[in-house]
């Protein structure tokens, strides 16, 4: 009797099926990695765009803050008593009264 290697029935089919199954798993894994990589690229790009917008808005906020402070200072200067007095005397011809020219006006009600 000669010794022949006996293969279980369908061994070749099992090997081929295993190869295809392995390739399928590998293909799915590669597709998953590629999808993950593209998602990472898109997310990183969006994050950079949003960060650029944030920096732009912060710069705009800082400029507006400087402008607001300048306007507040200008408002304080314009509202100073000495400046108002000076403008009143120059433009309107107003002056401080002395005690001799000061007159007190009383309101007379209907009943008095």
PDB file of N, CA and C in Angstrom:
ATOM      1  N   UNK A   1       0.809  -1.158   0.000  1.00  0.00           N
ATOM      2  CA  UNK A   1       0.000   0.000   0.000  1.00  0.00           C
ATOM      3  C   UNK A   1       0.868   1.242   0.000  1.00  0.00           C
ATOM      4  N   UNK A   2       0.579   2.100  -0.865  1.00  0.00           N
ATOM      5  CA  UNK A   2       1.353   3.338  -0.914  1.00  0.00           C
ATOM      6  C   UNK A   2       0.679   4.369  -0.020  1.00  0.00           C
ATOM      7  N   UNK A   3       1.558   5.115   0.537  1.00  0.00           N
ATOM      8  CA  UNK A   3       1.013   6.147   1.431  1.00  0.00           C
ATOM      9  C   UNK A   3       0.723   7.393   0.611  1.00  0.00           C
ATOM     10  N   UNK A   4      -0.465   7.772   0.640  1.00  0.00           N
ATOM     11  CA  UNK A   4      -0.882   9.007  -0.008  1.00  0.00           C
ATOM     12  C   UNK A   4      -1.294   9.987   1.075  1.00  0.00           C
ATOM     13  N   UNK A   5      -0.928  11.187   0.799  1.00  0.00           N
ATOM     14  CA  UNK A   5      -1.381  12.213   1.742  1.00  0.00           C
ATOM     15  C   UNK A   5      -2.858  12.433   1.491  1.00  0.00           C
ATOM     16  N   UNK A   6      -3.565  12.236   2.511  1.00  0.00           N
ATOM     17  CA  UNK A   6      -4.998  12.451   2.390  1.00  0.00           C
ATOM     18  C   UNK A   6      -5.344  13.838   2.916  1.00  0.00           C
ATOM     19  N   UNK A   7      -6.033  14.514   2.108  1.00  0.00           N
ATOM     20  CA  UNK A   7      -6.487  15.835   2.524  1.00  0.00           C
ATOM     21  C   UNK A   7      -7.945  15.698   2.903  1.00  0.00           C
ATOM     22  N   UNK A   8      -8.294  16.401   3.906  1.00  0.00           N
ATOM     23  CA  UNK A   8      -9.705  16.363   4.230  1.00  0.00           C
ATOM     24  C   UNK A   8     -10.494  16.963   3.081  1.00  0.00           C
ATOM     25  N   UNK A   9     -11.676  16.499   2.894  1.00  0.00           N
ATOM     26  CA  UNK A   9     -12.461  17.010   1.784  1.00  0.00           C
ATOM     27  C   UNK A   9     -12.681  18.513   1.935  1.00  0.00           C
ATOM     28  N   UNK A  10     -12.445  19.204   0.856  1.00  0.00           N
ATOM     29  CA  UNK A  10     -12.684  20.649   0.848  1.00  0.00           C
ATOM     30  C   UNK A  10     -11.570  21.454   1.486  1.00  0.00           C
ATOM     31  N   UNK A  11     -10.403  20.875   1.677  1.00  0.00           N
ATOM     32  CA  UNK A  11      -9.309  21.619   2.309  1.00  0.00           C
ATOM     33  C   UNK A  11      -8.883  22.788   1.431  1.00  0.00           C
ATOM     34  N   UNK A  12      -8.816  22.536   0.142  1.00  0.00           N
ATOM     35  CA  UNK A  12      -8.428  23.598  -0.779  1.00  0.00           C
ATOM     36  C   UNK A  12      -9.469  24.708  -0.767  1.00  0.00           C
ATOM     37  N   UNK A  13     -10.694  24.305  -0.708  1.00  0.00           N
ATOM     38  CA  UNK A  13     -11.759  25.298  -0.645  1.00  0.00           C
ATOM     39  C   UNK A  13     -11.652  26.124   0.633  1.00  0.00           C
ATOM     40  N   UNK A  14     -11.312  25.464   1.720  1.00  0.00           N
ATOM     41  CA  UNK A  14     -11.163  26.173   2.989  1.00  0.00           C
ATOM     42  C   UNK A  14     -10.014  27.166   2.924  1.00  0.00           C
ATOM     43  N   UNK A  15      -8.914  26.758   2.260  1.00  0.00           N
ATOM     44  CA  UNK A  15      -7.755  27.654   2.129  1.00  0.00           C
ATOM     45  C   UNK A  15      -8.129  28.860   1.274  1.00  0.00           C
ATOM     46  N   UNK A  16      -8.767  28.600   0.148  1.00  0.00           N
ATOM     47  CA  UNK A  16      -9.157  29.694  -0.748  1.00  0.00           C
ATOM     48  C   UNK A  16     -10.159  30.613  -0.053  1.00  0.00           C
ATOM     49  N   UNK A  17     -11.137  30.023   0.595  1.00  0.00           N
ATOM     50  CA  UNK A  17     -12.126  30.824   1.318  1.00  0.00           C
ATOM     51  C   UNK A  17     -11.449  31.640   2.408  1.00  0.00           C
ATOM     52  N   UNK A  18     -10.502  31.029   3.096  1.00  0.00           N
ATOM     53  CA  UNK A  18      -9.762  31.746   4.145  1.00  0.00           C
ATOM     54  C   UNK A  18      -8.979  32.906   3.577  1.00  0.00           C
ATOM     55  N   UNK A  19      -8.391  32.720   2.384  1.00  0.00           N
ATOM     56  CA  UNK A  19      -7.639  33.801   1.756  1.00  0.00           C
ATOM     57  C   UNK A  19      -8.568  34.956   1.402  1.00  0.00           C
ATOM     58  N   UNK A  20      -9.701  34.608   0.796  1.00  0.00           N
ATOM     59  CA  UNK A  20     -10.642  35.665   0.432  1.00  0.00           C
ATOM     60  C   UNK A  20     -11.207  36.352   1.670  1.00  0.00           C
ATOM     61  N   UNK A  21     -11.459  35.547   2.688  1.00  0.00           N
ATOM     62  CA  UNK A  21     -11.971  36.114   3.925  1.00  0.00           C
ATOM     63  C   UNK A  21     -10.915  37.045   4.533  1.00  0.00           C
ATOM     64  N   UNK A  22      -9.661  36.627   4.492  1.00  0.00           N
ATOM     65  CA  UNK A  22      -8.567  37.467   4.991  1.00  0.00           C
ATOM     66  C   UNK A  22      -8.417  38.727   4.162  1.00  0.00           C
ATOM     67  N   UNK A  23      -8.569  38.584   2.853  1.00  0.00           N
ATOM     68  CA  UNK A  23      -8.478  39.761   1.995  1.00  0.00           C
ATOM     69  C   UNK A  23      -9.650  40.703   2.247  1.00  0.00           C
ATOM     70  N   UNK A  24     -10.799  40.122   2.483  1.00  0.00           N
ATOM     71  CA  UNK A  24     -11.964  40.945   2.773  1.00  0.00           C
ATOM     72  C   UNK A  24     -11.752  41.723   4.068  1.00  0.00           C
ATOM     73  N   UNK A  25     -11.250  41.031   5.070  1.00  0.00           N
ATOM     74  CA  UNK A  25     -10.983  41.703   6.348  1.00  0.00           C
ATOM     75  C   UNK A  25      -9.926  42.783   6.155  1.00  0.00           C
ATOM     76  N   UNK A  26      -8.857  42.431   5.415  1.00  0.00           N
ATOM     77  CA  UNK A  26      -7.807  43.423   5.153  1.00  0.00           C
ATOM     78  C   UNK A  26      -8.360  44.608   4.360  1.00  0.00           C
ATOM     79  N   UNK A  27      -9.186  44.319   3.372  1.00  0.00           N
ATOM     80  CA  UNK A  27      -9.781  45.395   2.574  1.00  0.00           C
ATOM     81  C   UNK A  27     -10.662  46.290   3.437  1.00  0.00           C
ATOM     82  N   UNK A  28     -11.450  45.675   4.300  1.00  0.00           N
ATOM     83  CA  UNK A  28     -12.295  46.463   5.193  1.00  0.00           C
ATOM     84  C   UNK A  28     -11.455  47.297   6.159  1.00  0.00           C
ATOM     85  N   UNK A  29     -10.384  46.704   6.666  1.00  0.00           N
ATOM     86  CA  UNK A  29      -9.506  47.449   7.568  1.00  0.00           C
ATOM     87  C   UNK A  29      -8.841  48.621   6.849  1.00  0.00           C
ATOM     88  N   UNK A  30      -8.378  48.391   5.629  1.00  0.00           N
ATOM     89  CA  UNK A  30      -7.753  49.464   4.853  1.00  0.00           C
ATOM     90  C   UNK A  30      -8.774  50.565   4.559  1.00  0.00           C
ATOM     91  N   UNK A  31      -9.986  50.165   4.188  1.00  0.00           N
ATOM     92  CA  UNK A  31     -11.034  51.159   3.927  1.00  0.00           C
ATOM     93  C   UNK A  31     -11.339  51.960   5.195  1.00  0.00           C
ATOM     94  N   UNK A  32     -11.373  51.290   6.325  1.00  0.00           N
ATOM     95  CA  UNK A  32     -11.614  51.981   7.597  1.00  0.00           C
ATOM     96  C   UNK A  32     -10.504  52.961   7.931  1.00  0.00           C
ATOM     97  N   UNK A  33      -9.264  52.542   7.702  1.00  0.00           N
ATOM     98  CA  UNK A  33      -8.123  53.428   7.961  1.00  0.00           C
ATOM     99  C   UNK A  33      -8.175  54.640   7.032  1.00  0.00           C
ATOM    100  N   UNK A  34      -8.480  54.404   5.748  1.00  0.00           N
ATOM    101  CA  UNK A  34      -8.560  55.508   4.787  1.00  0.00           C
ATOM    102  C   UNK A  34      -9.689  56.475   5.162  1.00  0.00           C
ATOM    103  N   UNK A  35     -10.840  55.924   5.535  1.00  0.00           N
ATOM    104  CA  UNK A  35     -11.957  56.762   5.951  1.00  0.00           C
ATOM    105  C   UNK A  35     -11.582  57.589   7.176  1.00  0.00           C
ATOM    106  N   UNK A  36     -10.918  56.954   8.117  1.00  0.00           N
ATOM    107  CA  UNK A  36     -10.470  57.658   9.314  1.00  0.00           C
ATOM    108  C   UNK A  36      -9.473  58.760   8.965  1.00  0.00           C
ATOM    109  N   UNK A  37      -8.562  58.486   8.038  1.00  0.00           N
ATOM    110  CA  UNK A  37      -7.565  59.483   7.625  1.00  0.00           C
ATOM    111  C   UNK A  37      -8.243  60.677   6.954  1.00  0.00           C
ATOM    112  N   UNK A  38      -9.185  60.415   6.049  1.00  0.00           N
ATOM    113  CA  UNK A  38      -9.886  61.515   5.386  1.00  0.00           C
ATOM    114  C   UNK A  38     -10.708  62.331   6.383  1.00  0.00           C
ATOM    115  N   UNK A  39     -11.335  61.649   7.323  1.00  0.00           N
ATOM    116  CA  UNK A  39     -12.095  62.350   8.354  1.00  0.00           C
ATOM    117  C   UNK A  39     -11.176  63.240   9.182  1.00  0.00           C
ATOM    118  N   UNK A  40      -9.999  62.738   9.511  1.00  0.00           N
ATOM    119  CA  UNK A  40      -9.025  63.520  10.266  1.00  0.00           C
ATOM    120  C   UNK A  40      -8.576  64.745   9.476  1.00  0.00           C
ATOM    121  N   UNK A  41      -8.335  64.572   8.193  1.00  0.00           N
ATOM    122  CA  UNK A  41      -7.909  65.688   7.344  1.00  0.00           C
ATOM    123  C   UNK A  41      -8.997  66.760   7.285  1.00  0.00           C
ATOM    124  N   UNK A  42     -10.227  66.340   7.063  1.00  0.00           N
ATOM    125  CA  UNK A  42     -11.342  67.293   6.967  1.00  0.00           C
ATOM    126  C   UNK A  42     -11.554  68.008   8.299  1.00  0.00           C
ATOM    127  N   UNK A  43     -11.509  67.257   9.394  1.00  0.00           N
ATOM    128  CA  UNK A  43     -11.698  67.848  10.715  1.00  0.00           C
ATOM    129  C   UNK A  43     -10.584  68.833  11.043  1.00  0.00           C
ATOM    130  N   UNK A  44      -9.358  68.477  10.713  1.00  0.00           N
ATOM    131  CA  UNK A  44      -8.226  69.383  10.961  1.00  0.00           C
ATOM    132  C   UNK A  44      -8.373  70.666  10.152  1.00  0.00           C
ATOM    133  N   UNK A  45      -8.795  70.531   8.909  1.00  0.00           N
ATOM    134  CA  UNK A  45      -8.984  71.708   8.057  1.00  0.00           C
ATOM    135  C   UNK A  45     -10.073  72.621   8.629  1.00  0.00           C
ATOM    136  N   UNK A  46     -11.180  72.040   9.029  1.00  0.00           N
ATOM    137  CA  UNK A  46     -12.268  72.826   9.608  1.00  0.00           C
ATOM    138  C   UNK A  46     -11.828  73.501  10.904  1.00  0.00           C
ATOM    139  N   UNK A  47     -11.040  72.781  11.707  1.00  0.00           N
ATOM    140  CA  UNK A  47     -10.547  73.343  12.961  1.00  0.00           C
ATOM    141  C   UNK A  47      -9.638  74.539  12.693  1.00  0.00           C
ATOM    142  N   UNK A  48      -8.786  74.443  11.693  1.00  0.00           N
ATOM    143  CA  UNK A  48      -7.907  75.566  11.342  1.00  0.00           C
ATOM    144  C   UNK A  48      -8.721  76.768  10.872  1.00  0.00           C
ATOM    145  N   UNK A  49      -9.748  76.515  10.076  1.00  0.00           N
ATOM    146  CA  UNK A  49     -10.599  77.614   9.610  1.00  0.00           C
ATOM    147  C   UNK A  49     -11.316  78.286  10.780  1.00  0.00           C
ATOM    148  N   UNK A  50     -11.849  77.487  11.686  1.00  0.00           N
ATOM    149  CA  UNK A  50     -12.554  78.043  12.837  1.00  0.00           C
ATOM    150  C   UNK A  50     -11.600  78.825  13.740  1.00  0.00           C
ATOM    151  N   UNK A  51     -10.381  78.326  13.898  1.00  0.00           N
ATOM    152  CA  UNK A  51      -9.398  79.022  14.721  1.00  0.00           C
ATOM    153  C   UNK A  51      -9.008  80.355  14.079  1.00  0.00           C
ATOM    154  N   UNK A  52      -8.887  80.377  12.755  1.00  0.00           N
ATOM    155  CA  UNK A  52      -8.583  81.630  12.052  1.00  0.00           C
ATOM    156  C   UNK A  52      -9.720  82.634  12.250  1.00  0.00           C
ATOM    157  N   UNK A  53     -10.967  82.158  12.180  1.00  0.00           N
ATOM    158  CA  UNK A  53     -12.114  83.042  12.426  1.00  0.00           C
ATOM    159  C   UNK A  53     -12.086  83.579  13.856  1.00  0.00           C
ATOM    160  N   UNK A  54     -11.756  82.696  14.804  1.00  0.00           N
ATOM    161  CA  UNK A  54     -11.682  83.108  16.205  1.00  0.00           C
ATOM    162  C   UNK A  54     -10.631  84.195  16.395  1.00  0.00           C
ATOM    163  N   UNK A  55      -9.452  84.008  15.815  1.00  0.00           N
ATOM    164  CA  UNK A  55      -8.401  85.017  15.932  1.00  0.00           C
ATOM    165  C   UNK A  55      -8.838  86.338  15.301  1.00  0.00           C
ATOM    166  N   UNK A  56      -9.514  86.257  14.173  1.00  0.00           N
ATOM    167  CA  UNK A  56     -10.009  87.463  13.507  1.00  0.00           C
ATOM    168  C   UNK A  56     -11.027  88.187  14.387  1.00  0.00           C
ATOM    169  N   UNK A  57     -11.938  87.433  14.984  1.00  0.00           N
ATOM    170  CA  UNK A  57     -12.942  88.034  15.858  1.00  0.00           C
ATOM    171  C   UNK A  57     -12.307  88.631  17.116  1.00  0.00           C
ATOM    172  N   UNK A  58     -11.298  87.959  17.665  1.00  0.00           N
ATOM    173  CA  UNK A  58     -10.618  88.495  18.840  1.00  0.00           C
ATOM    174  C   UNK A  58      -9.880  89.785  18.499  1.00  0.00           C
ATOM    175  N   UNK A  59      -9.270  89.834  17.329  1.00  0.00           N
ATOM    176  CA  UNK A  59      -8.583  91.043  16.895  1.00  0.00           C
ATOM    177  C   UNK A  59      -9.592  92.182  16.705  1.00  0.00           C
ATOM    178  N   UNK A  60     -10.731  91.863  16.118  1.00  0.00           N
ATOM    179  CA  UNK A  60     -11.796  92.854  15.933  1.00  0.00           C
ATOM    180  C   UNK A  60     -12.302  93.354  17.284  1.00  0.00           C
ATOM    181  N   UNK A  61     -12.480  92.435  18.230  1.00  0.00           N
ATOM    182  CA  UNK A  61     -12.918  92.807  19.573  1.00  0.00           C
ATOM    183  C   UNK A  61     -11.910  93.747  20.230  1.00  0.00           C
ATOM    184  N   UNK A  62     -10.625  93.447  20.088  1.00  0.00           N
ATOM    185  CA  UNK A  62      -9.590  94.298  20.673  1.00  0.00           C
ATOM    186  C   UNK A  62      -9.602  95.693  20.054  1.00  0.00           C
ATOM    187  N   UNK A  63      -9.796  95.762  18.739  1.00  0.00           N
ATOM    188  CA  UNK A  63      -9.865  97.068  18.077  1.00  0.00           C
ATOM    189  C   UNK A  63     -11.076  97.864  18.568  1.00  0.00           C
ATOM    190  N   UNK A  64     -12.210  97.174  18.711  1.00  0.00           N
ATOM    191  CA  UNK A  64     -13.410  97.852  19.210  1.00  0.00           C
ATOM    192  C   UNK A  64     -13.228  98.305  20.659  1.00  0.00           C
ATOM    193  N   UNK A  65     -12.525  97.515  21.451  1.00  0.00           N
ATOM    194  CA  UNK A  65     -12.264  97.880  22.839  1.00  0.00           C
ATOM    195  C   UNK A  65     -11.391  99.135  22.914  1.00  0.00           C
ATOM    196  N   UNK A  66     -10.366  99.194  22.069  1.00  0.00           N
ATOM    197  CA  UNK A  66      -9.505 100.383  22.026  1.00  0.00           C
ATOM    198  C   UNK A  66     -10.323 101.605  21.605  1.00  0.00           C
ATOM    199  N   UNK A  67     -11.159 101.449  20.592  1.00  0.00           N
ATOM    200  CA  UNK A  67     -12.003 102.555  20.120  1.00  0.00           C
ATOM    201  C   UNK A  67     -12.965 103.008  21.213  1.00  0.00           C
ATOM    202  N   UNK A  68     -13.550 102.059  21.942  1.00  0.00           N
ATOM    203  CA  UNK A  68     -14.483 102.383  23.019  1.00  0.00           C
ATOM    204  C   UNK A  68     -13.773 103.174  24.116  1.00  0.00           C
ATOM    205  N   UNK A  69     -12.566 102.728  24.483  1.00  0.00           N
ATOM    206  CA  UNK A  69     -11.805 103.445  25.516  1.00  0.00           C
ATOM    207  C   UNK A  69     -11.455 104.863  25.053  1.00  0.00           C
ATOM    208  N   UNK A  70     -11.096 105.006  23.791  1.00  0.00           N
ATOM    209  CA  UNK A  70     -10.774 106.328  23.254  1.00  0.00           C
ATOM    210  C   UNK A  70     -12.001 107.241  23.300  1.00  0.00           C
ATOM    211  N   UNK A  71     -13.160 106.684  22.939  1.00  0.00           N
ATOM    212  CA  UNK A  71     -14.393 107.475  22.965  1.00  0.00           C
ATOM    213  C   UNK A  71     -14.790 107.862  24.391  1.00  0.00           C
ATOM    214  N   UNK A  72     -14.586 106.950  25.326  1.00  0.00           N
ATOM    215  CA  UNK A  72     -14.890 107.265  26.726  1.00  0.00           C
ATOM    216  C   UNK A  72     -14.004 108.402  27.234  1.00  0.00           C
ATOM    217  N   UNK A  73     -12.727 108.352  26.891  1.00  0.00           N
ATOM    218  CA  UNK A  73     -11.804 109.412  27.283  1.00  0.00           C
ATOM    219  C   UNK A  73     -12.209 110.737  26.645  1.00  0.00           C
ATOM    220  N   UNK A  74     -12.564 110.680  25.372  1.00  0.00           N
ATOM    221  CA  UNK A  74     -13.008 111.888  24.673  1.00  0.00           C
ATOM    222  C   UNK A  74     -14.271 112.449  25.322  1.00  0.00           C
ATOM    223  N   UNK A  75     -15.174 111.574  25.725  1.00  0.00           N
ATOM    224  CA  UNK A  75     -16.410 112.015  26.377  1.00  0.00           C
ATOM    225  C   UNK A  75     -16.100 112.707  27.702  1.00  0.00           C
ATOM    226  N   UNK A  76     -15.164 112.143  28.470  1.00  0.00           N
ATOM    227  CA  UNK A  76     -14.790 112.767  29.738  1.00  0.00           C
ATOM    228  C   UNK A  76     -14.185 114.153  29.516  1.00  0.00           C
ATOM    229  N   UNK A  77     -13.333 114.251  28.500  1.00  0.00           N
ATOM    230  CA  UNK A  77     -12.701 115.543  28.210  1.00  0.00           C
ATOM    231  C   UNK A  77     -13.750 116.560  27.783  1.00  0.00           C
ATOM    232  N   UNK A  78     -14.680 116.143  26.935  1.00  0.00           N
ATOM    233  CA  UNK A  78     -15.702 117.067  26.442  1.00  0.00           C
ATOM    234  C   UNK A  78     -16.656 117.518  27.547  1.00  0.00           C
ATOM    235  N   UNK A  79     -16.834 116.696  28.558  1.00  0.00           N
ATOM    236  CA  UNK A  79     -17.799 117.013  29.610  1.00  0.00           C
ATOM    237  C   UNK A  79     -17.163 117.723  30.804  1.00  0.00           C
ATOM    238  N   UNK A  80     -15.882 118.047  30.751  1.00  0.00           N
ATOM    239  CA  UNK A  80     -15.240 118.738  31.873  1.00  0.00           C
ATOM    240  C   UNK A  80     -15.860 120.119  32.065  1.00  0.00           C
ATOM    241  N   UNK A  81     -15.989 120.510  33.319  1.00  0.00           N
ATOM    242  CA  UNK A  81     -16.639 121.774  33.665  1.00  0.00           C
ATOM    243  C   UNK A  81     -15.894 122.965  33.071  1.00  0.00           C
ATOM    244  N   UNK A  82     -14.581 122.949  33.144  1.00  0.00           N
ATOM    245  CA  UNK A  82     -13.807 124.093  32.639  1.00  0.00           C
ATOM    246  C   UNK A  82     -13.987 124.252  31.134  1.00  0.00           C
ATOM    247  N   UNK A  83     -14.066 123.160  30.430  1.00  0.00           N
ATOM    248  CA  UNK A  83     -14.254 123.230  28.978  1.00  0.00           C
ATOM    249  C   UNK A  83     -15.641 123.770  28.650  1.00  0.00           C
ATOM    250  N   UNK A  84     -16.645 123.284  29.361  1.00  0.00           N
ATOM    251  CA  UNK A  84     -18.008 123.777  29.129  1.00  0.00           C
ATOM    252  C   UNK A  84     -18.114 125.267  29.437  1.00  0.00           C
ATOM    253  N   UNK A  85     -17.470 125.689  30.494  1.00  0.00           N
ATOM    254  CA  UNK A  85     -17.496 127.103  30.863  1.00  0.00           C
ATOM    255  C   UNK A  85     -16.817 127.951  29.790  1.00  0.00           C
ATOM    256  N   UNK A  86     -15.715 127.459  29.279  1.00  0.00           N
ATOM    257  CA  UNK A  86     -14.986 128.176  28.230  1.00  0.00           C
ATOM    258  C   UNK A  86     -15.831 128.287  26.961  1.00  0.00           C
ATOM    259  N   UNK A  87     -16.467 127.184  26.556  1.00  0.00           N
ATOM    260  CA  UNK A  87     -17.323 127.217  25.371  1.00  0.00           C
ATOM    261  C   UNK A  87     -18.518 128.146  25.565  1.00  0.00           C
ATOM    262  N   UNK A  88     -19.092 128.139  26.760  1.00  0.00           N
ATOM    263  CA  UNK A  88     -20.245 129.000  27.036  1.00  0.00           C
ATOM    264  C   UNK A  88     -19.859 130.465  26.937  1.00  0.00           C
ATOM    265  N   UNK A  89     -18.692 130.814  27.419  1.00  0.00           N
ATOM    266  CA  UNK A  89     -18.292 132.227  27.359  1.00  0.00           C
ATOM    267  C   UNK A  89     -17.901 132.632  25.942  1.00  0.00           C
ATOM    268  N   UNK A  90     -17.237 131.759  25.190  1.00  0.00           N
ATOM    269  CA  UNK A  90     -16.796 132.119  23.835  1.00  0.00           C
ATOM    270  C   UNK A  90     -17.941 132.108  22.830  1.00  0.00           C
ATOM    271  N   UNK A  91     -18.671 131.029  22.784  1.00  0.00           N
ATOM    272  CA  UNK A  91     -19.687 130.872  21.738  1.00  0.00           C
ATOM    273  C   UNK A  91     -21.010 131.546  22.078  1.00  0.00           C
ATOM    274  N   UNK A  92     -21.391 131.517  23.348  1.00  0.00           N
ATOM    275  CA  UNK A  92     -22.701 132.047  23.724  1.00  0.00           C
ATOM    276  C   UNK A  92     -22.615 133.399  24.426  1.00  0.00           C
ATOM    277  N   UNK A  93     -21.405 133.827  24.719  1.00  0.00           N
ATOM    278  CA  UNK A  93     -21.244 135.110  25.404  1.00  0.00           C
ATOM    279  C   UNK A  93     -21.714 135.078  26.841  1.00  0.00           C
ATOM    280  N   UNK A  94     -21.748 133.934  27.446  1.00  0.00           N
ATOM    281  CA  UNK A  94     -22.188 133.816  28.831  1.00  0.00           C
ATOM    282  C   UNK A  94     -21.019 134.140  29.751  1.00  0.00           C
ATOM    283  N   UNK A  95     -21.363 134.615  30.959  1.00  0.00           N
ATOM    284  CA  UNK A  95     -20.323 134.900  31.941  1.00  0.00           C
ATOM    285  C   UNK A  95     -20.881 134.628  33.323  1.00  0.00           C
ATOM    286  N   UNK A  96     -19.970 134.506  34.275  1.00  0.00           N
ATOM    287  CA  UNK A  96     -20.394 134.308  35.660  1.00  0.00           C
ATOM    288  C   UNK A  96     -20.975 135.611  36.197  1.00  0.00           C
ATOM    289  N   UNK A  97     -22.010 135.484  36.978  1.00  0.00           N
ATOM    290  CA  UNK A  97     -22.648 136.666  37.559  1.00  0.00           C
ATOM    291  C   UNK A  97     -21.965 137.044  38.865  1.00  0.00           C
ATOM    292  N   UNK A  98     -21.917 138.332  39.099  1.00  0.00           N
ATOM    293  CA  UNK A  98     -21.465 138.771  40.416  1.00  0.00           C
ATOM    294  C   UNK A  98     -22.696 138.900  41.305  1.00  0.00           C
ATOM    295  N   UNK A  99     -22.493 139.096  42.580  1.00  0.00           N
ATOM    296  CA  UNK A  99     -23.613 139.123  43.518  1.00  0.00           C
ATOM    297  C   UNK A  99     -24.553 140.299  43.264  1.00  0.00           C
ATOM    298  N   UNK A 100     -24.044 141.411  42.753  1.00  0.00           N
ATOM    299  CA  UNK A 100     -24.886 142.595  42.521  1.00  0.00           C
ATOM    300  C   UNK A 100     -25.882 142.374  41.387  1.00  0.00           C
ATOM    301  N   UNK A 101     -25.458 141.645  40.381  1.00  0.00           N
ATOM    302  CA  UNK A 101     -26.351 141.458  39.235  1.00  0.00           C
ATOM    303  C   UNK A 101     -27.210 140.203  39.350  1.00  0.00           C
ATOM    304  N   UNK A 102     -27.066 139.491  40.424  1.00  0.00           N
ATOM    305  CA  UNK A 102     -27.838 138.260  40.613  1.00  0.00           C
ATOM    306  C   UNK A 102     -29.223 138.605  41.130  1.00  0.00           C
ATOM    307  N   UNK A 103     -30.241 138.012  40.533  1.00  0.00           N
ATOM    308  CA  UNK A 103     -31.624 138.245  40.963  1.00  0.00           C
ATOM    309  C   UNK A 103     -32.290 136.895  41.226  1.00  0.00           C
ATOM    310  N   UNK A 104     -33.101 136.863  42.246  1.00  0.00           N
ATOM    311  CA  UNK A 104     -33.816 135.643  42.601  1.00  0.00           C
ATOM    312  C   UNK A 104     -35.244 135.789  42.099  1.00  0.00           C
ATOM    313  N   UNK A 105     -35.717 134.809  41.410  1.00  0.00           N
ATOM    314  CA  UNK A 105     -37.059 134.833  40.839  1.00  0.00           C
ATOM    315  C   UNK A 105     -37.891 133.815  41.597  1.00  0.00           C
ATOM    316  N   UNK A 106     -39.040 134.292  42.063  1.00  0.00           N
ATOM    317  CA  UNK A 106     -39.955 133.392  42.757  1.00  0.00           C
ATOM    318  C   UNK A 106     -41.135 133.095  41.865  1.00  0.00           C
ATOM    319  N   UNK A 107     -41.626 131.933  42.024  1.00  0.00           N
ATOM    320  CA  UNK A 107     -42.812 131.555  41.272  1.00  0.00           C
ATOM    321  C   UNK A 107     -44.028 131.897  42.117  1.00  0.00           C
ATOM    322  N   UNK A 108     -44.955 132.549  41.519  1.00  0.00           N
ATOM    323  CA  UNK A 108     -46.182 132.910  42.228  1.00  0.00           C
ATOM    324  C   UNK A 108     -47.250 131.925  41.794  1.00  0.00           C
ATOM    325  N   UNK A 109     -47.799 131.243  42.763  1.00  0.00           N
ATOM    326  CA  UNK A 109     -48.849 130.277  42.437  1.00  0.00           C
ATOM    327  C   UNK A 109     -50.183 131.002  42.301  1.00  0.00           C
ATOM    328  N   UNK A 110     -51.148 130.340  41.745  1.00  0.00           N
ATOM    329  CA  UNK A 110     -52.457 130.944  41.488  1.00  0.00           C
ATOM    330  C   UNK A 110     -53.174 131.336  42.780  1.00  0.00           C
ATOM    331  N   UNK A 111     -52.931 130.612  43.852  1.00  0.00           N
ATOM    332  CA  UNK A 111     -53.626 130.847  45.117  1.00  0.00           C
ATOM    333  C   UNK A 111     -53.049 132.005  45.899  1.00  0.00           C
ATOM    334  N   UNK A 112     -51.914 132.526  45.595  1.00  0.00           N
ATOM    335  CA  UNK A 112     -51.307 133.583  46.400  1.00  0.00           C
ATOM    336  C   UNK A 112     -51.539 134.941  45.856  1.00  0.00           C
TER     337      UNK A 112
END
